[in-house]
C-alpha cells in the first residue's frame, strides 16, 4: 500500500509539472510578423523620399512650414488605403485615359499596384520621374515604418 501511494503521488507531481510547462511556438509569430510587413523596401522608400519629398515634408517626414507632417496621416493607414489616397488625389488620365475605374475594377487596380503587378502610377508633379513612379510601395513602407516608430529619422539599413 505505501508503494502504491508513493507511485500515485509521483504520478500526480509529474502531471502537475507537465501542466506548468509552457512551450512557445515562435515560428507562427515570425510568419505573421513577416506577413504584416508592408510591401516595398524601407531603404528604397527612404532614398526616394530624401530625393523627391524631403525638400517639402522635411528629411524625417515630420513636415515643414510648406508641407504637412506625414506621420500622423500614415500611422493608421494600410497599403491599400495609401495607394487609394494617392490614386484619388492625383490624376488618373495620364495612365487610364478619360475613364476612372470604379468598384471591383478599382479594387483590383489598387491590389495590382500594391503588389507591383500593374503599371506605374503617374503623379502630376512626377510624371517624368520613373524613380518616383516605380516606388509607391517603397514610399509607403518607409512612411509606415516612420509612423509606427520602427524606423527612426536616420538612414535605414539597406
N, C-alpha and C. Protein backbone atom coordinates (compact mmCIF):
# COMPACT_ATOMS: atom_id res chain seq x y z
N UNK A 1 0.81 -1.20 0.00
CA UNK A 1 0.00 0.00 0.00
C UNK A 1 0.86 1.28 0.00
N UNK A 2 1.90 1.39 0.82
CA UNK A 2 2.72 2.59 0.80
C UNK A 2 3.40 2.77 -0.57
N UNK A 3 3.75 1.65 -1.21
CA UNK A 3 4.40 1.75 -2.51
C UNK A 3 3.42 2.32 -3.55
N UNK A 4 2.17 1.88 -3.51
CA UNK A 4 1.13 2.38 -4.42
C UNK A 4 0.88 3.87 -4.17
N UNK A 5 0.85 4.25 -2.92
CA UNK A 5 0.62 5.65 -2.57
C UNK A 5 1.77 6.53 -3.07
N UNK A 6 3.00 6.07 -2.92
CA UNK A 6 4.13 6.87 -3.40
C UNK A 6 4.16 6.94 -4.93
N UNK A 7 3.75 5.86 -5.62
CA UNK A 7 3.69 5.87 -7.07
C UNK A 7 2.63 6.84 -7.56
N UNK A 8 1.46 6.83 -6.91
CA UNK A 8 0.39 7.77 -7.28
C UNK A 8 0.81 9.21 -7.01
N UNK A 9 1.49 9.43 -5.91
CA UNK A 9 1.97 10.79 -5.59
C UNK A 9 2.96 11.28 -6.64
N UNK A 10 3.87 10.40 -7.03
CA UNK A 10 4.85 10.76 -8.05
C UNK A 10 4.17 11.05 -9.38
N UNK A 11 3.18 10.25 -9.74
CA UNK A 11 2.45 10.46 -10.99
C UNK A 11 1.71 11.79 -10.97
N UNK A 12 1.11 12.12 -9.84
CA UNK A 12 0.40 13.41 -9.71
C UNK A 12 1.38 14.59 -9.85
N UNK A 13 2.56 14.46 -9.23
CA UNK A 13 3.55 15.53 -9.32
C UNK A 13 4.02 15.72 -10.76
N UNK A 14 4.24 14.62 -11.47
CA UNK A 14 4.66 14.71 -12.87
C UNK A 14 3.56 15.35 -13.71
N UNK A 15 2.31 14.99 -13.46
CA UNK A 15 1.18 15.57 -14.20
C UNK A 15 1.07 17.06 -13.93
N UNK A 16 1.21 17.46 -12.68
CA UNK A 16 1.15 18.89 -12.34
C UNK A 16 2.32 19.66 -12.95
N UNK A 17 3.49 19.08 -12.94
CA UNK A 17 4.65 19.74 -13.54
C UNK A 17 4.45 19.90 -15.05
N UNK A 18 3.85 18.90 -15.68
CA UNK A 18 3.56 18.99 -17.11
C UNK A 18 2.58 20.09 -17.42
N UNK A 19 1.66 20.35 -16.51
CA UNK A 19 0.69 21.43 -16.73
C UNK A 19 1.35 22.80 -16.61
N UNK A 20 2.41 22.90 -15.85
CA UNK A 20 3.06 24.18 -15.62
C UNK A 20 4.05 24.53 -16.73
N UNK A 21 4.44 23.57 -17.56
CA UNK A 21 5.41 23.84 -18.63
C UNK A 21 4.71 24.57 -19.77
N UNK A 22 5.33 25.64 -20.22
CA UNK A 22 4.77 26.42 -21.32
C UNK A 22 5.74 26.36 -22.49
N UNK A 23 5.26 25.87 -23.61
CA UNK A 23 6.08 25.79 -24.81
C UNK A 23 5.61 26.88 -25.76
N UNK A 24 6.55 27.69 -26.21
CA UNK A 24 6.20 28.76 -27.14
C UNK A 24 6.63 28.36 -28.54
N UNK A 25 5.69 28.50 -29.45
CA UNK A 25 5.97 28.23 -30.86
C UNK A 25 6.17 29.58 -31.53
N UNK A 26 7.41 29.96 -31.74
CA UNK A 26 7.69 31.28 -32.31
C UNK A 26 7.57 31.30 -33.82
N UNK A 27 7.56 30.16 -34.44
CA UNK A 27 7.50 30.12 -35.91
C UNK A 27 6.26 30.82 -36.46
N UNK A 28 5.03 30.51 -35.96
CA UNK A 28 3.87 31.24 -36.49
C UNK A 28 3.94 32.74 -36.23
N UNK A 29 4.47 33.14 -35.07
CA UNK A 29 4.57 34.57 -34.78
C UNK A 29 5.52 35.25 -35.76
N UNK A 30 6.62 34.59 -36.10
CA UNK A 30 7.55 35.16 -37.06
C UNK A 30 6.93 35.25 -38.45
N UNK A 31 6.15 34.23 -38.82
CA UNK A 31 5.49 34.25 -40.12
C UNK A 31 4.47 35.38 -40.18
N UNK A 32 3.71 35.57 -39.10
CA UNK A 32 2.73 36.66 -39.06
C UNK A 32 3.42 38.02 -39.12
N UNK A 33 4.55 38.15 -38.45
CA UNK A 33 5.27 39.41 -38.48
C UNK A 33 5.74 39.73 -39.90
N UNK A 34 6.22 38.71 -40.62
CA UNK A 34 6.65 38.94 -41.99
C UNK A 34 5.48 39.30 -42.89
N UNK A 35 4.32 38.66 -42.66
CA UNK A 35 3.14 38.97 -43.47
C UNK A 35 2.65 40.37 -43.19
N UNK A 36 2.86 40.86 -41.97
CA UNK A 36 2.37 42.19 -41.59
C UNK A 36 3.25 43.30 -42.14
N UNK A 37 4.43 42.97 -42.62
CA UNK A 37 5.31 43.98 -43.18
C UNK A 37 4.68 44.56 -44.44
N UNK A 38 4.72 45.87 -44.58
CA UNK A 38 4.17 46.45 -45.80
C UNK A 38 5.00 46.05 -47.01
N UNK A 39 4.39 46.01 -48.18
CA UNK A 39 5.16 45.70 -49.38
C UNK A 39 6.15 46.83 -49.63
N UNK A 40 7.25 46.48 -50.22
CA UNK A 40 8.23 47.51 -50.55
C UNK A 40 9.41 47.50 -49.60
N UNK A 41 10.38 48.29 -49.94
CA UNK A 41 11.63 48.38 -49.20
C UNK A 41 11.70 49.71 -48.46
N UNK A 42 11.92 49.65 -47.15
CA UNK A 42 12.04 50.87 -46.35
C UNK A 42 13.23 51.69 -46.85
N UNK A 43 14.32 51.01 -47.13
CA UNK A 43 15.52 51.72 -47.59
C UNK A 43 15.28 52.42 -48.94
N UNK A 44 14.70 51.69 -49.89
CA UNK A 44 14.42 52.31 -51.20
C UNK A 44 13.43 53.46 -51.05
N UNK A 45 12.43 53.28 -50.20
CA UNK A 45 11.47 54.36 -49.95
C UNK A 45 12.14 55.58 -49.33
N UNK A 46 13.05 55.34 -48.40
CA UNK A 46 13.79 56.44 -47.78
C UNK A 46 14.61 57.19 -48.82
N UNK A 47 15.27 56.46 -49.71
CA UNK A 47 16.09 57.11 -50.74
C UNK A 47 15.24 57.99 -51.65
N UNK A 48 14.11 57.46 -52.09
CA UNK A 48 13.23 58.25 -52.96
C UNK A 48 12.66 59.43 -52.18
N UNK A 49 12.25 59.18 -50.93
CA UNK A 49 11.70 60.26 -50.12
C UNK A 49 12.73 61.39 -49.96
N UNK A 50 13.97 61.04 -49.64
CA UNK A 50 15.01 62.06 -49.47
C UNK A 50 15.25 62.83 -50.76
N UNK A 51 15.18 62.14 -51.87
CA UNK A 51 15.46 62.76 -53.16
C UNK A 51 14.31 63.63 -53.65
N UNK A 52 13.07 63.18 -53.45
CA UNK A 52 11.93 63.84 -54.09
C UNK A 52 10.95 64.50 -53.13
N UNK A 53 10.92 64.11 -51.86
CA UNK A 53 9.87 64.58 -50.96
C UNK A 53 10.38 65.41 -49.79
N UNK A 54 11.61 65.14 -49.35
CA UNK A 54 12.13 65.75 -48.13
C UNK A 54 12.24 67.27 -48.21
N UNK A 55 12.43 67.81 -49.39
CA UNK A 55 12.54 69.27 -49.51
C UNK A 55 11.28 69.96 -49.00
N UNK A 56 10.13 69.34 -49.19
CA UNK A 56 8.88 69.94 -48.73
C UNK A 56 8.43 69.39 -47.37
N UNK A 57 8.51 68.08 -47.20
CA UNK A 57 7.98 67.43 -46.00
C UNK A 57 9.01 67.26 -44.90
N UNK A 58 10.25 67.68 -45.14
CA UNK A 58 11.31 67.54 -44.15
C UNK A 58 12.00 66.19 -44.27
N UNK A 59 13.26 66.10 -43.86
CA UNK A 59 14.02 64.86 -44.03
C UNK A 59 13.47 63.69 -43.23
N UNK A 60 12.70 63.95 -42.19
CA UNK A 60 12.14 62.87 -41.37
C UNK A 60 10.64 62.71 -41.60
N UNK A 61 10.09 63.36 -42.60
CA UNK A 61 8.66 63.31 -42.95
C UNK A 61 7.78 63.94 -41.88
N UNK A 62 8.37 64.80 -41.05
CA UNK A 62 7.61 65.42 -39.97
C UNK A 62 7.08 66.80 -40.33
N UNK A 63 7.22 67.19 -41.57
CA UNK A 63 6.62 68.43 -42.05
C UNK A 63 7.53 69.63 -41.95
N UNK A 64 7.14 70.65 -42.69
CA UNK A 64 7.83 71.94 -42.68
C UNK A 64 6.76 73.02 -42.75
N UNK A 65 7.18 74.26 -42.88
CA UNK A 65 6.21 75.35 -43.00
C UNK A 65 5.39 75.21 -44.27
N UNK A 66 5.95 74.58 -45.29
CA UNK A 66 5.25 74.48 -46.57
C UNK A 66 4.51 73.19 -46.82
N UNK A 67 4.69 72.19 -45.97
CA UNK A 67 4.05 70.89 -46.21
C UNK A 67 3.80 70.19 -44.87
N UNK A 68 2.75 69.37 -44.80
CA UNK A 68 2.37 68.77 -43.51
C UNK A 68 3.27 67.62 -43.07
N UNK A 69 3.17 67.33 -41.78
CA UNK A 69 3.77 66.13 -41.19
C UNK A 69 3.00 64.93 -41.74
N UNK A 70 3.68 64.00 -42.38
CA UNK A 70 3.02 62.85 -42.98
C UNK A 70 2.77 61.71 -42.00
N UNK A 71 3.47 61.69 -40.88
CA UNK A 71 3.41 60.54 -39.98
C UNK A 71 2.03 60.31 -39.37
N UNK A 72 1.34 61.33 -38.85
CA UNK A 72 0.00 61.06 -38.30
C UNK A 72 -0.97 60.52 -39.35
N UNK A 73 -0.86 61.00 -40.56
CA UNK A 73 -1.78 60.55 -41.61
C UNK A 73 -1.52 59.11 -42.00
N UNK A 74 -0.26 58.69 -41.98
CA UNK A 74 0.10 57.34 -42.43
C UNK A 74 0.00 56.32 -41.29
N UNK A 75 0.00 56.78 -40.04
CA UNK A 75 0.07 55.89 -38.88
C UNK A 75 -0.97 54.77 -38.90
N UNK A 76 -2.20 55.08 -39.20
CA UNK A 76 -3.27 54.07 -39.19
C UNK A 76 -3.70 53.68 -40.60
N UNK A 77 -2.86 53.90 -41.55
CA UNK A 77 -3.21 53.67 -42.94
C UNK A 77 -2.52 52.40 -43.45
N UNK A 78 -3.28 51.53 -44.10
CA UNK A 78 -2.70 50.36 -44.72
C UNK A 78 -2.24 50.67 -46.13
N UNK A 79 -1.54 49.73 -46.76
CA UNK A 79 -1.04 50.00 -48.12
C UNK A 79 -2.15 50.24 -49.12
N UNK A 80 -3.27 49.54 -48.99
CA UNK A 80 -4.39 49.77 -49.92
C UNK A 80 -4.93 51.18 -49.77
N UNK A 81 -5.10 51.62 -48.54
CA UNK A 81 -5.62 52.97 -48.32
C UNK A 81 -4.62 54.02 -48.80
N UNK A 82 -3.35 53.79 -48.55
CA UNK A 82 -2.32 54.72 -49.02
C UNK A 82 -2.36 54.86 -50.53
N UNK A 83 -2.36 53.72 -51.22
CA UNK A 83 -2.42 53.76 -52.68
C UNK A 83 -3.75 54.36 -53.13
N UNK A 84 -4.84 54.01 -52.44
CA UNK A 84 -6.15 54.57 -52.78
C UNK A 84 -6.16 56.09 -52.68
N UNK A 85 -5.56 56.61 -51.61
CA UNK A 85 -5.50 58.07 -51.47
C UNK A 85 -4.64 58.69 -52.56
N UNK A 86 -3.55 58.05 -52.87
CA UNK A 86 -2.69 58.57 -53.94
C UNK A 86 -3.45 58.55 -55.26
N UNK A 87 -4.18 57.45 -55.50
CA UNK A 87 -4.93 57.35 -56.75
C UNK A 87 -6.06 58.36 -56.82
N UNK A 88 -6.72 58.62 -55.71
CA UNK A 88 -7.81 59.59 -55.71
C UNK A 88 -7.29 61.02 -55.76
N UNK A 89 -6.15 61.25 -55.19
CA UNK A 89 -5.64 62.60 -55.10
C UNK A 89 -4.99 63.08 -56.39
N UNK A 90 -4.44 62.15 -57.13
CA UNK A 90 -3.72 62.51 -58.34
C UNK A 90 -4.50 62.12 -59.59
N UNK A 91 -4.06 62.63 -60.68
CA UNK A 91 -4.74 62.49 -61.97
C UNK A 91 -4.60 61.07 -62.53
N UNK A 92 -5.74 60.47 -62.87
CA UNK A 92 -5.75 59.14 -63.48
C UNK A 92 -5.54 59.22 -64.99
N UNK A 93 -5.83 60.35 -65.57
CA UNK A 93 -5.94 60.42 -67.02
C UNK A 93 -4.66 60.05 -67.75
N UNK A 94 -3.51 60.31 -67.15
CA UNK A 94 -2.26 60.01 -67.84
C UNK A 94 -2.08 58.51 -68.07
N UNK A 95 -2.63 57.69 -67.19
CA UNK A 95 -2.46 56.24 -67.32
C UNK A 95 -3.70 55.54 -67.86
N UNK A 96 -4.87 56.08 -67.57
CA UNK A 96 -6.09 55.35 -67.84
C UNK A 96 -6.98 55.97 -68.90
N UNK A 97 -6.58 57.07 -69.47
CA UNK A 97 -7.45 57.73 -70.43
C UNK A 97 -8.50 58.54 -69.69
N UNK A 98 -9.65 58.70 -70.29
CA UNK A 98 -10.69 59.55 -69.72
C UNK A 98 -11.50 58.86 -68.64
N UNK A 99 -11.50 57.53 -68.57
CA UNK A 99 -12.35 56.84 -67.61
C UNK A 99 -11.59 56.48 -66.34
N UNK A 100 -12.31 56.54 -65.24
CA UNK A 100 -11.77 56.21 -63.94
C UNK A 100 -12.40 54.90 -63.49
N UNK A 101 -11.64 53.85 -63.18
CA UNK A 101 -12.25 52.59 -62.76
C UNK A 101 -13.01 52.75 -61.45
N UNK A 102 -14.08 52.02 -61.31
CA UNK A 102 -14.90 52.07 -60.11
C UNK A 102 -15.10 50.66 -59.57
N UNK A 103 -15.51 50.56 -58.32
CA UNK A 103 -15.88 49.28 -57.72
C UNK A 103 -14.78 48.24 -57.77
N UNK A 104 -15.14 47.06 -58.26
CA UNK A 104 -14.22 45.92 -58.28
C UNK A 104 -13.01 46.19 -59.18
N UNK A 105 -13.21 46.91 -60.28
CA UNK A 105 -12.10 47.22 -61.18
C UNK A 105 -11.07 48.11 -60.47
N UNK A 106 -11.55 49.07 -59.71
CA UNK A 106 -10.66 49.95 -58.96
C UNK A 106 -9.93 49.17 -57.87
N UNK A 107 -10.66 48.31 -57.15
CA UNK A 107 -10.04 47.48 -56.11
C UNK A 107 -8.96 46.58 -56.69
N UNK A 108 -9.23 46.00 -57.85
CA UNK A 108 -8.24 45.14 -58.50
C UNK A 108 -7.01 45.94 -58.89
N UNK A 109 -7.20 47.16 -59.38
CA UNK A 109 -6.08 48.01 -59.76
C UNK A 109 -5.24 48.37 -58.54
N UNK A 110 -5.90 48.71 -57.44
CA UNK A 110 -5.18 49.03 -56.20
C UNK A 110 -4.36 47.83 -55.74
N UNK A 111 -4.96 46.63 -55.77
CA UNK A 111 -4.23 45.41 -55.40
C UNK A 111 -3.01 45.20 -56.28
N UNK A 112 -3.19 45.38 -57.59
CA UNK A 112 -2.08 45.19 -58.52
C UNK A 112 -0.96 46.21 -58.28
N UNK A 113 -1.32 47.45 -57.96
CA UNK A 113 -0.31 48.46 -57.68
C UNK A 113 0.44 48.14 -56.39
N UNK A 114 -0.28 47.71 -55.36
CA UNK A 114 0.35 47.37 -54.09
C UNK A 114 1.32 46.21 -54.27
N UNK A 115 0.94 45.24 -55.08
CA UNK A 115 1.77 44.06 -55.31
C UNK A 115 2.75 44.26 -56.47
N UNK A 116 2.77 45.46 -57.02
CA UNK A 116 3.67 45.83 -58.12
C UNK A 116 3.44 45.00 -59.38
N UNK A 117 2.20 44.61 -59.62
CA UNK A 117 1.87 43.87 -60.84
C UNK A 117 1.43 44.81 -61.95
N UNK A 118 0.94 45.99 -61.59
CA UNK A 118 0.37 46.90 -62.57
C UNK A 118 1.40 47.93 -63.00
N UNK A 119 1.02 48.70 -64.00
CA UNK A 119 1.86 49.79 -64.49
C UNK A 119 2.09 50.80 -63.38
N UNK A 120 3.01 51.68 -63.61
CA UNK A 120 3.35 52.65 -62.58
C UNK A 120 2.28 53.72 -62.47
N UNK A 121 2.20 54.29 -61.29
CA UNK A 121 1.25 55.35 -61.02
C UNK A 121 1.83 56.69 -61.46
N UNK A 122 1.03 57.49 -62.07
CA UNK A 122 1.50 58.79 -62.53
C UNK A 122 0.98 59.88 -61.62
N UNK A 123 1.88 60.57 -60.94
CA UNK A 123 1.51 61.73 -60.13
C UNK A 123 1.85 62.96 -60.96
N UNK A 124 0.99 63.94 -61.01
CA UNK A 124 1.19 65.08 -61.90
C UNK A 124 2.57 65.73 -61.80
N UNK A 125 3.06 65.93 -60.60
CA UNK A 125 4.35 66.61 -60.45
C UNK A 125 5.52 65.71 -60.83
N UNK A 126 5.28 64.42 -60.91
CA UNK A 126 6.37 63.47 -61.14
C UNK A 126 6.17 62.62 -62.38
N UNK A 127 5.40 63.07 -63.33
CA UNK A 127 5.10 62.25 -64.50
C UNK A 127 6.36 61.80 -65.24
N UNK A 128 7.38 62.60 -65.25
CA UNK A 128 8.60 62.23 -65.96
C UNK A 128 9.66 61.64 -65.04
N UNK A 129 9.28 61.33 -63.81
CA UNK A 129 10.22 60.78 -62.83
C UNK A 129 9.94 59.30 -62.60
N UNK A 130 10.56 58.42 -63.38
CA UNK A 130 10.30 56.99 -63.21
C UNK A 130 10.70 56.48 -61.83
N UNK A 131 11.66 57.13 -61.19
CA UNK A 131 12.09 56.69 -59.87
C UNK A 131 10.95 56.81 -58.85
N UNK A 132 10.19 57.88 -58.92
CA UNK A 132 9.05 58.04 -58.01
C UNK A 132 7.93 57.09 -58.41
N UNK A 133 7.63 57.05 -59.69
CA UNK A 133 6.54 56.20 -60.17
C UNK A 133 6.73 54.74 -59.79
N UNK A 134 7.95 54.28 -59.84
CA UNK A 134 8.23 52.87 -59.59
C UNK A 134 8.29 52.52 -58.11
N UNK A 135 8.23 53.52 -57.24
CA UNK A 135 8.47 53.25 -55.81
C UNK A 135 7.34 53.69 -54.89
N UNK A 136 6.11 53.63 -55.36
CA UNK A 136 4.97 53.97 -54.50
C UNK A 136 4.95 53.06 -53.27
N UNK A 137 5.11 51.74 -53.47
CA UNK A 137 5.09 50.79 -52.35
C UNK A 137 6.27 51.02 -51.41
N UNK A 138 7.42 51.39 -51.97
CA UNK A 138 8.58 51.68 -51.13
C UNK A 138 8.35 52.93 -50.29
N UNK A 139 7.75 53.94 -50.89
CA UNK A 139 7.43 55.15 -50.13
C UNK A 139 6.49 54.83 -48.98
N UNK A 140 5.49 53.99 -49.24
CA UNK A 140 4.58 53.59 -48.16
C UNK A 140 5.35 52.83 -47.07
N UNK A 141 6.21 51.91 -47.48
CA UNK A 141 6.97 51.12 -46.49
C UNK A 141 7.79 52.04 -45.59
N UNK A 142 8.44 53.02 -46.18
CA UNK A 142 9.24 53.96 -45.39
C UNK A 142 8.36 54.81 -44.47
N UNK A 143 7.32 55.40 -45.02
CA UNK A 143 6.46 56.27 -44.21
C UNK A 143 5.73 55.48 -43.12
N UNK A 144 5.31 54.26 -43.43
CA UNK A 144 4.64 53.43 -42.42
C UNK A 144 5.62 53.08 -41.29
N UNK A 145 6.85 52.75 -41.64
CA UNK A 145 7.85 52.44 -40.61
C UNK A 145 8.14 53.66 -39.75
N UNK A 146 8.21 54.83 -40.35
CA UNK A 146 8.42 56.06 -39.57
C UNK A 146 7.22 56.32 -38.67
N UNK A 147 6.02 56.17 -39.21
CA UNK A 147 4.80 56.45 -38.45
C UNK A 147 4.62 55.48 -37.29
N UNK A 148 5.02 54.22 -37.47
CA UNK A 148 4.86 53.21 -36.43
C UNK A 148 6.02 53.21 -35.44
N UNK A 149 7.04 53.99 -35.70
CA UNK A 149 8.17 54.07 -34.79
C UNK A 149 9.19 52.96 -34.95
N UNK A 150 9.08 52.15 -35.99
CA UNK A 150 10.06 51.09 -36.21
C UNK A 150 11.26 51.57 -37.01
N UNK A 151 11.16 52.77 -37.55
CA UNK A 151 12.28 53.38 -38.27
C UNK A 151 12.46 54.80 -37.74
N UNK A 152 13.64 55.09 -37.30
CA UNK A 152 13.93 56.44 -36.83
C UNK A 152 14.14 57.39 -37.98
N UNK A 153 14.49 58.64 -37.67
CA UNK A 153 14.69 59.64 -38.72
C UNK A 153 15.98 59.45 -39.51
N UNK A 154 16.86 58.58 -39.02
CA UNK A 154 18.12 58.35 -39.70
C UNK A 154 17.96 57.40 -40.87
N UNK A 155 19.03 57.24 -41.62
CA UNK A 155 19.06 56.35 -42.78
C UNK A 155 18.81 54.90 -42.34
N UNK A 156 17.87 54.21 -42.99
CA UNK A 156 17.64 52.80 -42.66
C UNK A 156 18.74 51.92 -43.26
N UNK A 157 18.86 50.73 -42.73
CA UNK A 157 19.82 49.78 -43.29
C UNK A 157 19.32 49.30 -44.65
N UNK A 158 20.24 49.15 -45.61
CA UNK A 158 19.81 48.67 -46.94
C UNK A 158 19.31 47.23 -46.90
